[in-house]
């Protein structure tokens, strides 16, 4: 049997990125240093097997092109989840998310991490 274990993203500031994803509800599973000297951090979403691997190395300059890729998380109540993120200083987009959630259909929003990676939020 094959499993999808993790997805790696490069980060410019390991501590700031861990703090951001922790606000989203991720948990820090472990940290290590690779044989190449990269600092690594593995983040979990409770109940999920797939991990987000953060990678920092001193010689790597992180420049994330707009809309390069995104991750996606599902939440049970997107309105309360996004409202809580806003109280923590995280910008939700599109800016009219509160109004658009009153319409029928798919409820989705986005946040952007410290390096410019997008995180899509969908209601389960």
PDB file of N, CA and C in Angstrom:
ATOM      1  N   UNK A   1       0.842  -1.187   0.000  1.00  0.00           N
ATOM      2  CA  UNK A   1       0.000   0.000   0.000  1.00  0.00           C
ATOM      3  C   UNK A   1       0.884   1.246   0.000  1.00  0.00           C
ATOM      4  N   UNK A   2       0.493   2.213  -0.782  1.00  0.00           N
ATOM      5  CA  UNK A   2       1.225   3.467  -0.868  1.00  0.00           C
ATOM      6  C   UNK A   2       0.472   4.542  -0.079  1.00  0.00           C
ATOM      7  N   UNK A   3       1.237   5.467   0.549  1.00  0.00           N
ATOM      8  CA  UNK A   3       0.650   6.579   1.287  1.00  0.00           C
ATOM      9  C   UNK A   3       1.288   7.881   0.818  1.00  0.00           C
ATOM     10  N   UNK A   4       0.505   8.960   0.827  1.00  0.00           N
ATOM     11  CA  UNK A   4       1.001  10.307   0.545  1.00  0.00           C
ATOM     12  C   UNK A   4       1.402  10.889   1.892  1.00  0.00           C
ATOM     13  N   UNK A   5       2.699  11.036   2.154  1.00  0.00           N
ATOM     14  CA  UNK A   5       3.185  11.337   3.500  1.00  0.00           C
ATOM     15  C   UNK A   5       3.282  12.818   3.832  1.00  0.00           C
ATOM     16  N   UNK A   6       3.909  13.601   2.958  1.00  0.00           N
ATOM     17  CA  UNK A   6       4.039  15.020   3.274  1.00  0.00           C
ATOM     18  C   UNK A   6       4.259  15.849   2.014  1.00  0.00           C
ATOM     19  N   UNK A   7       4.066  17.150   2.186  1.00  0.00           N
ATOM     20  CA  UNK A   7       4.344  18.132   1.148  1.00  0.00           C
ATOM     21  C   UNK A   7       5.319  19.142   1.736  1.00  0.00           C
ATOM     22  N   UNK A   8       6.398  19.433   1.014  1.00  0.00           N
ATOM     23  CA  UNK A   8       7.420  20.372   1.501  1.00  0.00           C
ATOM     24  C   UNK A   8       7.217  21.740   0.872  1.00  0.00           C
ATOM     25  N   UNK A   9       7.345  22.765   1.720  1.00  0.00           N
ATOM     26  CA  UNK A   9       7.439  24.130   1.225  1.00  0.00           C
ATOM     27  C   UNK A   9       8.671  24.777   1.855  1.00  0.00           C
ATOM     28  N   UNK A  10       9.329  25.626   1.083  1.00  0.00           N
ATOM     29  CA  UNK A  10      10.470  26.387   1.582  1.00  0.00           C
ATOM     30  C   UNK A  10       9.958  27.614   2.317  1.00  0.00           C
ATOM     31  N   UNK A  11      10.622  27.960   3.405  1.00  0.00           N
ATOM     32  CA  UNK A  11      10.203  29.114   4.202  1.00  0.00           C
ATOM     33  C   UNK A  11      11.397  30.010   4.503  1.00  0.00           C
ATOM     34  N   UNK A  12      11.126  31.295   4.676  1.00  0.00           N
ATOM     35  CA  UNK A  12      12.178  32.261   4.973  1.00  0.00           C
ATOM     36  C   UNK A  12      12.407  32.417   6.477  1.00  0.00           C
ATOM     37  N   UNK A  13      11.372  32.191   7.276  1.00  0.00           N
ATOM     38  CA  UNK A  13      11.459  32.356   8.729  1.00  0.00           C
ATOM     39  C   UNK A  13      10.688  31.205   9.377  1.00  0.00           C
ATOM     40  N   UNK A  14      11.419  30.215   9.844  1.00  0.00           N
ATOM     41  CA  UNK A  14      10.794  29.005  10.379  1.00  0.00           C
ATOM     42  C   UNK A  14       9.842  29.314  11.530  1.00  0.00           C
ATOM     43  N   UNK A  15      10.261  30.138  12.474  1.00  0.00           N
ATOM     44  CA  UNK A  15       9.439  30.407  13.647  1.00  0.00           C
ATOM     45  C   UNK A  15       8.150  31.142  13.272  1.00  0.00           C
ATOM     46  N   UNK A  16       8.241  32.130  12.382  1.00  0.00           N
ATOM     47  CA  UNK A  16       7.052  32.878  11.967  1.00  0.00           C
ATOM     48  C   UNK A  16       6.076  31.968  11.221  1.00  0.00           C
ATOM     49  N   UNK A  17       6.604  31.072  10.411  1.00  0.00           N
ATOM     50  CA  UNK A  17       5.730  30.175   9.646  1.00  0.00           C
ATOM     51  C   UNK A  17       5.067  29.150  10.550  1.00  0.00           C
ATOM     52  N   UNK A  18       5.815  28.608  11.498  1.00  0.00           N
ATOM     53  CA  UNK A  18       5.205  27.685  12.472  1.00  0.00           C
ATOM     54  C   UNK A  18       4.105  28.407  13.246  1.00  0.00           C
ATOM     55  N   UNK A  19       4.362  29.628  13.679  1.00  0.00           N
ATOM     56  CA  UNK A  19       3.359  30.395  14.434  1.00  0.00           C
ATOM     57  C   UNK A  19       2.106  30.624  13.590  1.00  0.00           C
ATOM     58  N   UNK A  20       2.275  30.942  12.308  1.00  0.00           N
ATOM     59  CA  UNK A  20       1.134  31.168  11.417  1.00  0.00           C
ATOM     60  C   UNK A  20       0.279  29.909  11.299  1.00  0.00           C
ATOM     61  N   UNK A  21       0.911  28.793  10.977  1.00  0.00           N
ATOM     62  CA  UNK A  21       0.144  27.559  10.780  1.00  0.00           C
ATOM     63  C   UNK A  21      -0.461  27.050  12.087  1.00  0.00           C
ATOM     64  N   UNK A  22       0.174  27.341  13.206  1.00  0.00           N
ATOM     65  CA  UNK A  22      -0.396  26.986  14.504  1.00  0.00           C
ATOM     66  C   UNK A  22      -1.697  27.760  14.734  1.00  0.00           C
ATOM     67  N   UNK A  23      -1.727  29.029  14.311  1.00  0.00           N
ATOM     68  CA  UNK A  23      -2.966  29.811  14.410  1.00  0.00           C
ATOM     69  C   UNK A  23      -4.078  29.203  13.565  1.00  0.00           C
ATOM     70  N   UNK A  24      -3.705  28.558  12.458  1.00  0.00           N
ATOM     71  CA  UNK A  24      -4.703  27.917  11.599  1.00  0.00           C
ATOM     72  C   UNK A  24      -5.223  26.611  12.191  1.00  0.00           C
ATOM     73  N   UNK A  25      -4.531  26.079  13.209  1.00  0.00           N
ATOM     74  CA  UNK A  25      -4.962  24.833  13.836  1.00  0.00           C
ATOM     75  C   UNK A  25      -4.027  23.658  13.613  1.00  0.00           C
ATOM     76  N   UNK A  26      -2.922  23.888  12.914  1.00  0.00           N
ATOM     77  CA  UNK A  26      -1.921  22.837  12.748  1.00  0.00           C
ATOM     78  C   UNK A  26      -1.187  22.628  14.066  1.00  0.00           C
ATOM     79  N   UNK A  27      -0.624  21.445  14.228  1.00  0.00           N
ATOM     80  CA  UNK A  27       0.190  21.139  15.410  1.00  0.00           C
ATOM     81  C   UNK A  27       1.590  20.771  14.951  1.00  0.00           C
ATOM     82  N   UNK A  28       2.588  21.262  15.682  1.00  0.00           N
ATOM     83  CA  UNK A  28       3.977  20.924  15.387  1.00  0.00           C
ATOM     84  C   UNK A  28       4.230  19.491  15.846  1.00  0.00           C
ATOM     85  N   UNK A  29       4.554  18.615  14.897  1.00  0.00           N
ATOM     86  CA  UNK A  29       4.790  17.205  15.215  1.00  0.00           C
ATOM     87  C   UNK A  29       6.238  16.978  15.628  1.00  0.00           C
ATOM     88  N   UNK A  30       7.161  17.549  14.847  1.00  0.00           N
ATOM     89  CA  UNK A  30       8.587  17.375  15.184  1.00  0.00           C
ATOM     90  C   UNK A  30       9.417  18.337  14.368  1.00  0.00           C
ATOM     91  N   UNK A  31      10.638  18.552  14.831  1.00  0.00           N
ATOM     92  CA  UNK A  31      11.619  19.356  14.119  1.00  0.00           C
ATOM     93  C   UNK A  31      12.908  18.569  14.041  1.00  0.00           C
ATOM     94  N   UNK A  32      13.674  18.814  12.983  1.00  0.00           N
ATOM     95  CA  UNK A  32      14.962  18.135  12.826  1.00  0.00           C
ATOM     96  C   UNK A  32      15.836  18.950  11.890  1.00  0.00           C
ATOM     97  N   UNK A  33      17.042  18.457  11.696  1.00  0.00           N
ATOM     98  CA  UNK A  33      17.975  19.040  10.730  1.00  0.00           C
ATOM     99  C   UNK A  33      18.338  17.930   9.757  1.00  0.00           C
ATOM    100  N   UNK A  34      18.222  18.229   8.458  1.00  0.00           N
ATOM    101  CA  UNK A  34      18.514  17.222   7.435  1.00  0.00           C
ATOM    102  C   UNK A  34      20.021  17.015   7.314  1.00  0.00           C
ATOM    103  N   UNK A  35      20.448  15.936   6.665  1.00  0.00           N
ATOM    104  CA  UNK A  35      21.884  15.725   6.446  1.00  0.00           C
ATOM    105  C   UNK A  35      22.536  16.874   5.667  1.00  0.00           C
ATOM    106  N   UNK A  36      21.733  17.617   4.877  1.00  0.00           N
ATOM    107  CA  UNK A  36      22.257  18.763   4.126  1.00  0.00           C
ATOM    108  C   UNK A  36      22.299  20.040   4.958  1.00  0.00           C
ATOM    109  N   UNK A  37      21.823  19.979   6.183  1.00  0.00           N
ATOM    110  CA  UNK A  37      21.833  21.136   7.065  1.00  0.00           C
ATOM    111  C   UNK A  37      20.570  21.971   7.040  1.00  0.00           C
ATOM    112  N   UNK A  38      19.537  21.530   6.344  1.00  0.00           N
ATOM    113  CA  UNK A  38      18.264  22.254   6.325  1.00  0.00           C
ATOM    114  C   UNK A  38      17.521  22.034   7.637  1.00  0.00           C
ATOM    115  N   UNK A  39      16.919  23.102   8.156  1.00  0.00           N
ATOM    116  CA  UNK A  39      16.042  22.960   9.309  1.00  0.00           C
ATOM    117  C   UNK A  39      14.678  22.527   8.794  1.00  0.00           C
ATOM    118  N   UNK A  40      14.108  21.515   9.421  1.00  0.00           N
ATOM    119  CA  UNK A  40      12.826  20.959   9.003  1.00  0.00           C
ATOM    120  C   UNK A  40      11.835  20.989  10.157  1.00  0.00           C
ATOM    121  N   UNK A  41      10.586  21.237   9.831  1.00  0.00           N
ATOM    122  CA  UNK A  41       9.506  21.144  10.812  1.00  0.00           C
ATOM    123  C   UNK A  41       8.339  20.458  10.121  1.00  0.00           C
ATOM    124  N   UNK A  42       7.721  19.523  10.830  1.00  0.00           N
ATOM    125  CA  UNK A  42       6.580  18.785  10.300  1.00  0.00           C
ATOM    126  C   UNK A  42       5.344  19.173  11.083  1.00  0.00           C
ATOM    127  N   UNK A  43       4.308  19.590  10.364  1.00  0.00           N
ATOM    128  CA  UNK A  43       3.063  20.039  10.975  1.00  0.00           C
ATOM    129  C   UNK A  43       1.934  19.094  10.604  1.00  0.00           C
ATOM    130  N   UNK A  44       1.063  18.831  11.563  1.00  0.00           N
ATOM    131  CA  UNK A  44      -0.100  17.963  11.366  1.00  0.00           C
ATOM    132  C   UNK A  44      -1.381  18.757  11.539  1.00  0.00           C
ATOM    133  N   UNK A  45      -2.402  18.318  10.846  1.00  0.00           N
ATOM    134  CA  UNK A  45      -3.765  18.724  11.162  1.00  0.00           C
ATOM    135  C   UNK A  45      -4.339  17.545  11.938  1.00  0.00           C
ATOM    136  N   UNK A  46      -4.910  17.777  13.120  1.00  0.00           N
ATOM    137  CA  UNK A  46      -5.447  16.659  13.897  1.00  0.00           C
ATOM    138  C   UNK A  46      -6.376  15.778  13.061  1.00  0.00           C
ATOM    139  N   UNK A  47      -6.129  14.486  13.102  1.00  0.00           N
ATOM    140  CA  UNK A  47      -6.940  13.523  12.383  1.00  0.00           C
ATOM    141  C   UNK A  47      -6.475  13.208  10.972  1.00  0.00           C
ATOM    142  N   UNK A  48      -5.477  13.918  10.480  1.00  0.00           N
ATOM    143  CA  UNK A  48      -4.981  13.689   9.119  1.00  0.00           C
ATOM    144  C   UNK A  48      -3.602  13.034   9.166  1.00  0.00           C
ATOM    145  N   UNK A  49      -3.327  12.172   8.216  1.00  0.00           N
ATOM    146  CA  UNK A  49      -2.019  11.527   8.146  1.00  0.00           C
ATOM    147  C   UNK A  49      -0.994  12.368   7.407  1.00  0.00           C
ATOM    148  N   UNK A  50      -1.441  13.108   6.397  1.00  0.00           N
ATOM    149  CA  UNK A  50      -0.535  13.915   5.567  1.00  0.00           C
ATOM    150  C   UNK A  50       0.037  15.060   6.387  1.00  0.00           C
ATOM    151  N   UNK A  51       1.318  15.333   6.221  1.00  0.00           N
ATOM    152  CA  UNK A  51       1.963  16.411   6.960  1.00  0.00           C
ATOM    153  C   UNK A  51       2.425  17.509   6.020  1.00  0.00           C
ATOM    154  N   UNK A  52       2.548  18.706   6.570  1.00  0.00           N
ATOM    155  CA  UNK A  52       3.161  19.826   5.878  1.00  0.00           C
ATOM    156  C   UNK A  52       4.582  19.931   6.407  1.00  0.00           C
ATOM    157  N   UNK A  53       5.556  19.792   5.509  1.00  0.00           N
ATOM    158  CA  UNK A  53       6.970  19.897   5.901  1.00  0.00           C
ATOM    159  C   UNK A  53       7.461  21.293   5.551  1.00  0.00           C
ATOM    160  N   UNK A  54       7.948  22.007   6.549  1.00  0.00           N
ATOM    161  CA  UNK A  54       8.565  23.311   6.342  1.00  0.00           C
ATOM    162  C   UNK A  54      10.063  23.107   6.257  1.00  0.00           C
ATOM    163  N   UNK A  55      10.707  23.778   5.316  1.00  0.00           N
ATOM    164  CA  UNK A  55      12.151  23.624   5.127  1.00  0.00           C
ATOM    165  C   UNK A  55      12.806  24.996   5.061  1.00  0.00           C
ATOM    166  N   UNK A  56      13.807  25.209   5.896  1.00  0.00           N
ATOM    167  CA  UNK A  56      14.572  26.457   5.899  1.00  0.00           C
ATOM    168  C   UNK A  56      16.044  26.119   5.711  1.00  0.00           C
ATOM    169  N   UNK A  57      16.692  26.848   4.822  1.00  0.00           N
ATOM    170  CA  UNK A  57      18.140  26.729   4.671  1.00  0.00           C
ATOM    171  C   UNK A  57      18.706  28.126   4.468  1.00  0.00           C
ATOM    172  N   UNK A  58      19.876  28.377   5.028  1.00  0.00           N
ATOM    173  CA  UNK A  58      20.412  29.743   5.037  1.00  0.00           C
ATOM    174  C   UNK A  58      20.716  30.304   3.647  1.00  0.00           C
ATOM    175  N   UNK A  59      21.061  29.464   2.700  1.00  0.00           N
ATOM    176  CA  UNK A  59      21.452  29.964   1.380  1.00  0.00           C
ATOM    177  C   UNK A  59      20.292  30.065   0.391  1.00  0.00           C
ATOM    178  N   UNK A  60      19.107  29.647   0.786  1.00  0.00           N
ATOM    179  CA  UNK A  60      17.965  29.615  -0.123  1.00  0.00           C
ATOM    180  C   UNK A  60      17.102  30.853   0.083  1.00  0.00           C
ATOM    181  N   UNK A  61      16.922  31.653  -0.968  1.00  0.00           N
ATOM    182  CA  UNK A  61      16.051  32.821  -0.896  1.00  0.00           C
ATOM    183  C   UNK A  61      14.651  32.414  -1.367  1.00  0.00           C
ATOM    184  N   UNK A  62      13.680  32.584  -0.487  1.00  0.00           N
ATOM    185  CA  UNK A  62      12.323  32.172  -0.796  1.00  0.00           C
ATOM    186  C   UNK A  62      11.609  33.291  -1.563  1.00  0.00           C
ATOM    187  N   UNK A  63      11.159  32.958  -2.773  1.00  0.00           N
ATOM    188  CA  UNK A  63      10.357  33.874  -3.592  1.00  0.00           C
ATOM    189  C   UNK A  63       9.231  33.044  -4.193  1.00  0.00           C
ATOM    190  N   UNK A  64       8.048  33.171  -3.630  1.00  0.00           N
ATOM    191  CA  UNK A  64       6.915  32.377  -4.073  1.00  0.00           C
ATOM    192  C   UNK A  64       6.129  33.165  -5.116  1.00  0.00           C
ATOM    193  N   UNK A  65       6.106  32.699  -6.363  1.00  0.00           N
ATOM    194  CA  UNK A  65       5.296  33.392  -7.376  1.00  0.00           C
ATOM    195  C   UNK A  65       3.817  33.317  -7.013  1.00  0.00           C
ATOM    196  N   UNK A  66       3.090  34.359  -7.357  1.00  0.00           N
ATOM    197  CA  UNK A  66       1.656  34.389  -7.067  1.00  0.00           C
ATOM    198  C   UNK A  66       0.967  33.199  -7.723  1.00  0.00           C
ATOM    199  N   UNK A  67       0.087  32.565  -6.984  1.00  0.00           N
ATOM    200  CA  UNK A  67      -0.724  31.452  -7.459  1.00  0.00           C
ATOM    201  C   UNK A  67       0.102  30.262  -7.947  1.00  0.00           C
ATOM    202  N   UNK A  68       1.288  30.057  -7.369  1.00  0.00           N
ATOM    203  CA  UNK A  68       2.124  28.914  -7.733  1.00  0.00           C
ATOM    204  C   UNK A  68       1.447  27.611  -7.324  1.00  0.00           C
ATOM    205  N   UNK A  69       0.993  27.566  -6.090  1.00  0.00           N
ATOM    206  CA  UNK A  69       0.345  26.378  -5.539  1.00  0.00           C
ATOM    207  C   UNK A  69      -0.401  26.793  -4.289  1.00  0.00           C
ATOM    208  N   UNK A  70      -1.256  25.906  -3.806  1.00  0.00           N
ATOM    209  CA  UNK A  70      -1.890  26.184  -2.527  1.00  0.00           C
ATOM    210  C   UNK A  70      -2.201  24.872  -1.820  1.00  0.00           C
ATOM    211  N   UNK A  71      -2.361  24.978  -0.521  1.00  0.00           N
ATOM    212  CA  UNK A  71      -2.845  23.867   0.269  1.00  0.00           C
ATOM    213  C   UNK A  71      -4.310  24.160   0.586  1.00  0.00           C
ATOM    214  N   UNK A  72      -5.010  23.167   1.101  1.00  0.00           N
ATOM    215  CA  UNK A  72      -6.425  23.354   1.395  1.00  0.00           C
ATOM    216  C   UNK A  72      -6.774  22.610   2.678  1.00  0.00           C
ATOM    217  N   UNK A  73      -7.507  23.289   3.549  1.00  0.00           N
ATOM    218  CA  UNK A  73      -7.990  22.659   4.776  1.00  0.00           C
ATOM    219  C   UNK A  73      -9.507  22.750   4.813  1.00  0.00           C
ATOM    220  N   UNK A  74     -10.130  21.782   5.443  1.00  0.00           N
ATOM    221  CA  UNK A  74     -11.574  21.777   5.609  1.00  0.00           C
ATOM    222  C   UNK A  74     -11.929  22.006   7.064  1.00  0.00           C
ATOM    223  N   UNK A  75     -12.931  22.824   7.295  1.00  0.00           N
ATOM    224  CA  UNK A  75     -13.402  23.119   8.655  1.00  0.00           C
ATOM    225  C   UNK A  75     -14.912  22.903   8.707  1.00  0.00           C
ATOM    226  N   UNK A  76     -15.425  22.633   9.888  1.00  0.00           N
ATOM    227  CA  UNK A  76     -16.852  22.376  10.039  1.00  0.00           C
ATOM    228  C   UNK A  76     -17.701  23.641   9.928  1.00  0.00           C
ATOM    229  N   UNK A  77     -17.208  24.759  10.460  1.00  0.00           N
ATOM    230  CA  UNK A  77     -17.966  26.015  10.443  1.00  0.00           C
ATOM    231  C   UNK A  77     -17.028  27.117   9.956  1.00  0.00           C
ATOM    232  N   UNK A  78     -17.064  27.391   8.667  1.00  0.00           N
ATOM    233  CA  UNK A  78     -16.119  28.333   8.070  1.00  0.00           C
ATOM    234  C   UNK A  78     -16.312  29.762   8.577  1.00  0.00           C
ATOM    235  N   UNK A  79     -17.543  30.143   8.896  1.00  0.00           N
ATOM    236  CA  UNK A  79     -17.799  31.495   9.379  1.00  0.00           C
ATOM    237  C   UNK A  79     -17.100  31.724  10.718  1.00  0.00           C
ATOM    238  N   UNK A  80     -17.301  30.829  11.676  1.00  0.00           N
ATOM    239  CA  UNK A  80     -16.666  31.019  12.984  1.00  0.00           C
ATOM    240  C   UNK A  80     -15.153  30.838  12.890  1.00  0.00           C
ATOM    241  N   UNK A  81     -14.699  29.917  12.032  1.00  0.00           N
ATOM    242  CA  UNK A  81     -13.261  29.697  11.857  1.00  0.00           C
ATOM    243  C   UNK A  81     -12.584  30.961  11.319  1.00  0.00           C
ATOM    244  N   UNK A  82     -13.145  31.537  10.259  1.00  0.00           N
ATOM    245  CA  UNK A  82     -12.555  32.740   9.673  1.00  0.00           C
ATOM    246  C   UNK A  82     -12.642  33.929  10.628  1.00  0.00           C
ATOM    247  N   UNK A  83     -13.741  34.029  11.361  1.00  0.00           N
ATOM    248  CA  UNK A  83     -13.874  35.108  12.346  1.00  0.00           C
ATOM    249  C   UNK A  83     -12.788  34.992  13.411  1.00  0.00           C
ATOM    250  N   UNK A  84     -12.509  33.764  13.854  1.00  0.00           N
ATOM    251  CA  UNK A  84     -11.446  33.552  14.847  1.00  0.00           C
ATOM    252  C   UNK A  84     -10.086  33.918  14.275  1.00  0.00           C
ATOM    253  N   UNK A  85      -9.826  33.549  13.025  1.00  0.00           N
ATOM    254  CA  UNK A  85      -8.550  33.913  12.400  1.00  0.00           C
ATOM    255  C   UNK A  85      -8.381  35.427  12.339  1.00  0.00           C
ATOM    256  N   UNK A  86      -9.460  36.129  12.025  1.00  0.00           N
ATOM    257  CA  UNK A  86      -9.380  37.598  11.979  1.00  0.00           C
ATOM    258  C   UNK A  86      -9.023  38.185  13.339  1.00  0.00           C
ATOM    259  N   UNK A  87      -9.541  37.600  14.433  1.00  0.00           N
ATOM    260  CA  UNK A  87      -9.190  38.113  15.766  1.00  0.00           C
ATOM    261  C   UNK A  87      -7.713  37.914  16.069  1.00  0.00           C
ATOM    262  N   UNK A  88      -7.083  36.963  15.345  1.00  0.00           N
ATOM    263  CA  UNK A  88      -5.655  36.716  15.527  1.00  0.00           C
ATOM    264  C   UNK A  88      -4.804  37.522  14.539  1.00  0.00           C
ATOM    265  N   UNK A  89      -5.445  38.428  13.797  1.00  0.00           N
ATOM    266  CA  UNK A  89      -4.709  39.299  12.883  1.00  0.00           C
ATOM    267  C   UNK A  89      -4.429  38.700  11.513  1.00  0.00           C
ATOM    268  N   UNK A  90      -5.118  37.633  11.156  1.00  0.00           N
ATOM    269  CA  UNK A  90      -4.914  37.007   9.849  1.00  0.00           C
ATOM    270  C   UNK A  90      -5.954  37.545   8.877  1.00  0.00           C
ATOM    271  N   UNK A  91      -5.490  38.046   7.729  1.00  0.00           N
ATOM    272  CA  UNK A  91      -6.381  38.581   6.703  1.00  0.00           C
ATOM    273  C   UNK A  91      -7.026  37.443   5.920  1.00  0.00           C
ATOM    274  N   UNK A  92      -8.332  37.518   5.782  1.00  0.00           N
ATOM    275  CA  UNK A  92      -9.100  36.545   5.008  1.00  0.00           C
ATOM    276  C   UNK A  92      -9.435  37.196   3.670  1.00  0.00           C
ATOM    277  N   UNK A  93      -9.314  36.460   2.613  1.00  0.00           N
ATOM    278  CA  UNK A  93      -9.744  36.986   1.313  1.00  0.00           C
ATOM    279  C   UNK A  93     -10.545  35.937   0.578  1.00  0.00           C
ATOM    280  N   UNK A  94     -11.480  36.343  -0.250  1.00  0.00           N
ATOM    281  CA  UNK A  94     -11.730  37.733  -0.636  1.00  0.00           C
ATOM    282  C   UNK A  94     -12.277  38.545   0.536  1.00  0.00           C
ATOM    283  N   UNK A  95     -12.116  39.836   0.437  1.00  0.00           N
ATOM    284  CA  UNK A  95     -12.501  40.724   1.530  1.00  0.00           C
ATOM    285  C   UNK A  95     -13.973  40.680   1.877  1.00  0.00           C
ATOM    286  N   UNK A  96     -14.820  40.255   0.937  1.00  0.00           N
ATOM    287  CA  UNK A  96     -16.257  40.201   1.206  1.00  0.00           C
ATOM    288  C   UNK A  96     -16.705  38.806   1.626  1.00  0.00           C
ATOM    289  N   UNK A  97     -15.813  38.037   2.251  1.00  0.00           N
ATOM    290  CA  UNK A  97     -16.136  36.645   2.585  1.00  0.00           C
ATOM    291  C   UNK A  97     -17.393  36.528   3.429  1.00  0.00           C
ATOM    292  N   UNK A  98     -17.612  37.471   4.338  1.00  0.00           N
ATOM    293  CA  UNK A  98     -18.803  37.386   5.202  1.00  0.00           C
ATOM    294  C   UNK A  98     -20.085  37.483   4.382  1.00  0.00           C
ATOM    295  N   UNK A  99     -20.115  38.376   3.410  1.00  0.00           N
ATOM    296  CA  UNK A  99     -21.291  38.535   2.569  1.00  0.00           C
ATOM    297  C   UNK A  99     -21.455  37.351   1.620  1.00  0.00           C
ATOM    298  N   UNK A 100     -20.359  36.877   1.061  1.00  0.00           N
ATOM    299  CA  UNK A 100     -20.453  35.784   0.085  1.00  0.00           C
ATOM    300  C   UNK A 100     -20.878  34.476   0.744  1.00  0.00           C
ATOM    301  N   UNK A 101     -20.648  34.323   2.036  1.00  0.00           N
ATOM    302  CA  UNK A 101     -21.031  33.094   2.725  1.00  0.00           C
ATOM    303  C   UNK A 101     -22.530  33.000   2.965  1.00  0.00           C
ATOM    304  N   UNK A 102     -23.251  34.092   2.787  1.00  0.00           N
ATOM    305  CA  UNK A 102     -24.696  34.037   2.968  1.00  0.00           C
ATOM    306  C   UNK A 102     -25.385  33.436   1.747  1.00  0.00           C
ATOM    307  N   UNK A 103     -24.655  33.312   0.641  1.00  0.00           N
ATOM    308  CA  UNK A 103     -25.219  32.731  -0.571  1.00  0.00           C
ATOM    309  C   UNK A 103     -25.129  31.212  -0.499  1.00  0.00           C
ATOM    310  N   UNK A 104     -26.008  30.543  -1.242  1.00  0.00           N
ATOM    311  CA  UNK A 104     -25.989  29.082  -1.303  1.00  0.00           C
ATOM    312  C   UNK A 104     -24.758  28.620  -2.078  1.00  0.00           C
ATOM    313  N   UNK A 105     -24.327  27.407  -1.794  1.00  0.00           N
ATOM    314  CA  UNK A 105     -23.224  26.834  -2.557  1.00  0.00           C
ATOM    315  C   UNK A 105     -21.958  26.711  -1.743  1.00  0.00           C
ATOM    316  N   UNK A 106     -20.889  26.522  -2.459  1.00  0.00           N
ATOM    317  CA  UNK A 106     -19.585  26.290  -1.855  1.00  0.00           C
ATOM    318  C   UNK A 106     -19.117  27.512  -1.071  1.00  0.00           C
ATOM    319  N   UNK A 107     -18.690  27.271   0.157  1.00  0.00           N
ATOM    320  CA  UNK A 107     -18.142  28.347   0.983  1.00  0.00           C
ATOM    321  C   UNK A 107     -16.639  28.162   1.038  1.00  0.00           C
ATOM    322  N   UNK A 108     -15.907  29.140   0.487  1.00  0.00           N
ATOM    323  CA  UNK A 108     -14.461  29.057   0.520  1.00  0.00           C
ATOM    324  C   UNK A 108     -13.855  30.428   0.731  1.00  0.00           C
ATOM    325  N   UNK A 109     -12.691  30.403   1.354  1.00  0.00           N
ATOM    326  CA  UNK A 109     -11.922  31.615   1.594  1.00  0.00           C
ATOM    327  C   UNK A 109     -10.455  31.234   1.505  1.00  0.00           C
ATOM    328  N   UNK A 110      -9.603  32.241   1.559  1.00  0.00           N
ATOM    329  CA  UNK A 110      -8.161  32.015   1.492  1.00  0.00           C
ATOM    330  C   UNK A 110      -7.449  32.870   2.523  1.00  0.00           C
ATOM    331  N   UNK A 111      -6.298  32.388   2.942  1.00  0.00           N
ATOM    332  CA  UNK A 111      -5.337  33.165   3.717  1.00  0.00           C
ATOM    333  C   UNK A 111      -3.985  32.969   3.040  1.00  0.00           C
ATOM    334  N   UNK A 112      -3.058  33.857   3.340  1.00  0.00           N
ATOM    335  CA  UNK A 112      -1.731  33.779   2.741  1.00  0.00           C
ATOM    336  C   UNK A 112      -0.708  33.686   3.859  1.00  0.00           C
ATOM    337  N   UNK A 113       0.190  32.694   3.761  1.00  0.00           N
ATOM    338  CA  UNK A 113       1.183  32.507   4.818  1.00  0.00           C
ATOM    339  C   UNK A 113       2.307  33.535   4.682  1.00  0.00           C
ATOM    340  N   UNK A 114       3.241  33.591   5.638  1.00  0.00           N
ATOM    341  CA  UNK A 114       4.277  34.623   5.627  1.00  0.00           C
ATOM    342  C   UNK A 114       5.155  34.655   4.363  1.00  0.00           C
ATOM    343  N   UNK A 115       5.237  33.550   3.631  1.00  0.00           N
ATOM    344  CA  UNK A 115       6.062  33.522   2.426  1.00  0.00           C
ATOM    345  C   UNK A 115       5.257  33.712   1.147  1.00  0.00           C
ATOM    346  N   UNK A 116       3.951  33.800   1.244  1.00  0.00           N
ATOM    347  CA  UNK A 116       3.122  34.012   0.068  1.00  0.00           C
ATOM    348  C   UNK A 116       2.390  32.790  -0.426  1.00  0.00           C
ATOM    349  N   UNK A 117       2.531  31.649   0.268  1.00  0.00           N
ATOM    350  CA  UNK A 117       1.756  30.467  -0.101  1.00  0.00           C
ATOM    351  C   UNK A 117       0.306  30.678   0.323  1.00  0.00           C
ATOM    352  N   UNK A 118      -0.607  30.289  -0.548  1.00  0.00           N
ATOM    353  CA  UNK A 118      -2.024  30.425  -0.254  1.00  0.00           C
ATOM    354  C   UNK A 118      -2.538  29.177   0.448  1.00  0.00           C
ATOM    355  N   UNK A 119      -3.445  29.378   1.390  1.00  0.00           N
ATOM    356  CA  UNK A 119      -4.140  28.285   2.065  1.00  0.00           C
ATOM    357  C   UNK A 119      -5.625  28.490   1.825  1.00  0.00           C
ATOM    358  N   UNK A 120      -6.229  27.544   1.130  1.00  0.00           N
ATOM    359  CA  UNK A 120      -7.657  27.585   0.861  1.00  0.00           C
ATOM    360  C   UNK A 120      -8.388  26.998   2.072  1.00  0.00           C
ATOM    361  N   UNK A 121      -9.518  27.595   2.416  1.00  0.00           N
ATOM    362  CA  UNK A 121     -10.342  27.101   3.520  1.00  0.00           C
ATOM    363  C   UNK A 121     -11.709  26.765   2.938  1.00  0.00           C
ATOM    364  N   UNK A 122     -12.124  25.518   3.127  1.00  0.00           N
ATOM    365  CA  UNK A 122     -13.426  25.064   2.656  1.00  0.00           C
ATOM    366  C   UNK A 122     -14.245  24.576   3.843  1.00  0.00           C
ATOM    367  N   UNK A 123     -15.548  24.753   3.752  1.00  0.00           N
ATOM    368  CA  UNK A 123     -16.407  24.194   4.791  1.00  0.00           C
ATOM    369  C   UNK A 123     -16.649  22.723   4.473  1.00  0.00           C
ATOM    370  N   UNK A 124     -16.448  21.857   5.468  1.00  0.00           N
ATOM    371  CA  UNK A 124     -16.666  20.418   5.287  1.00  0.00           C
ATOM    372  C   UNK A 124     -18.090  20.124   4.881  1.00  0.00           C
TER     373      UNK A 124
END
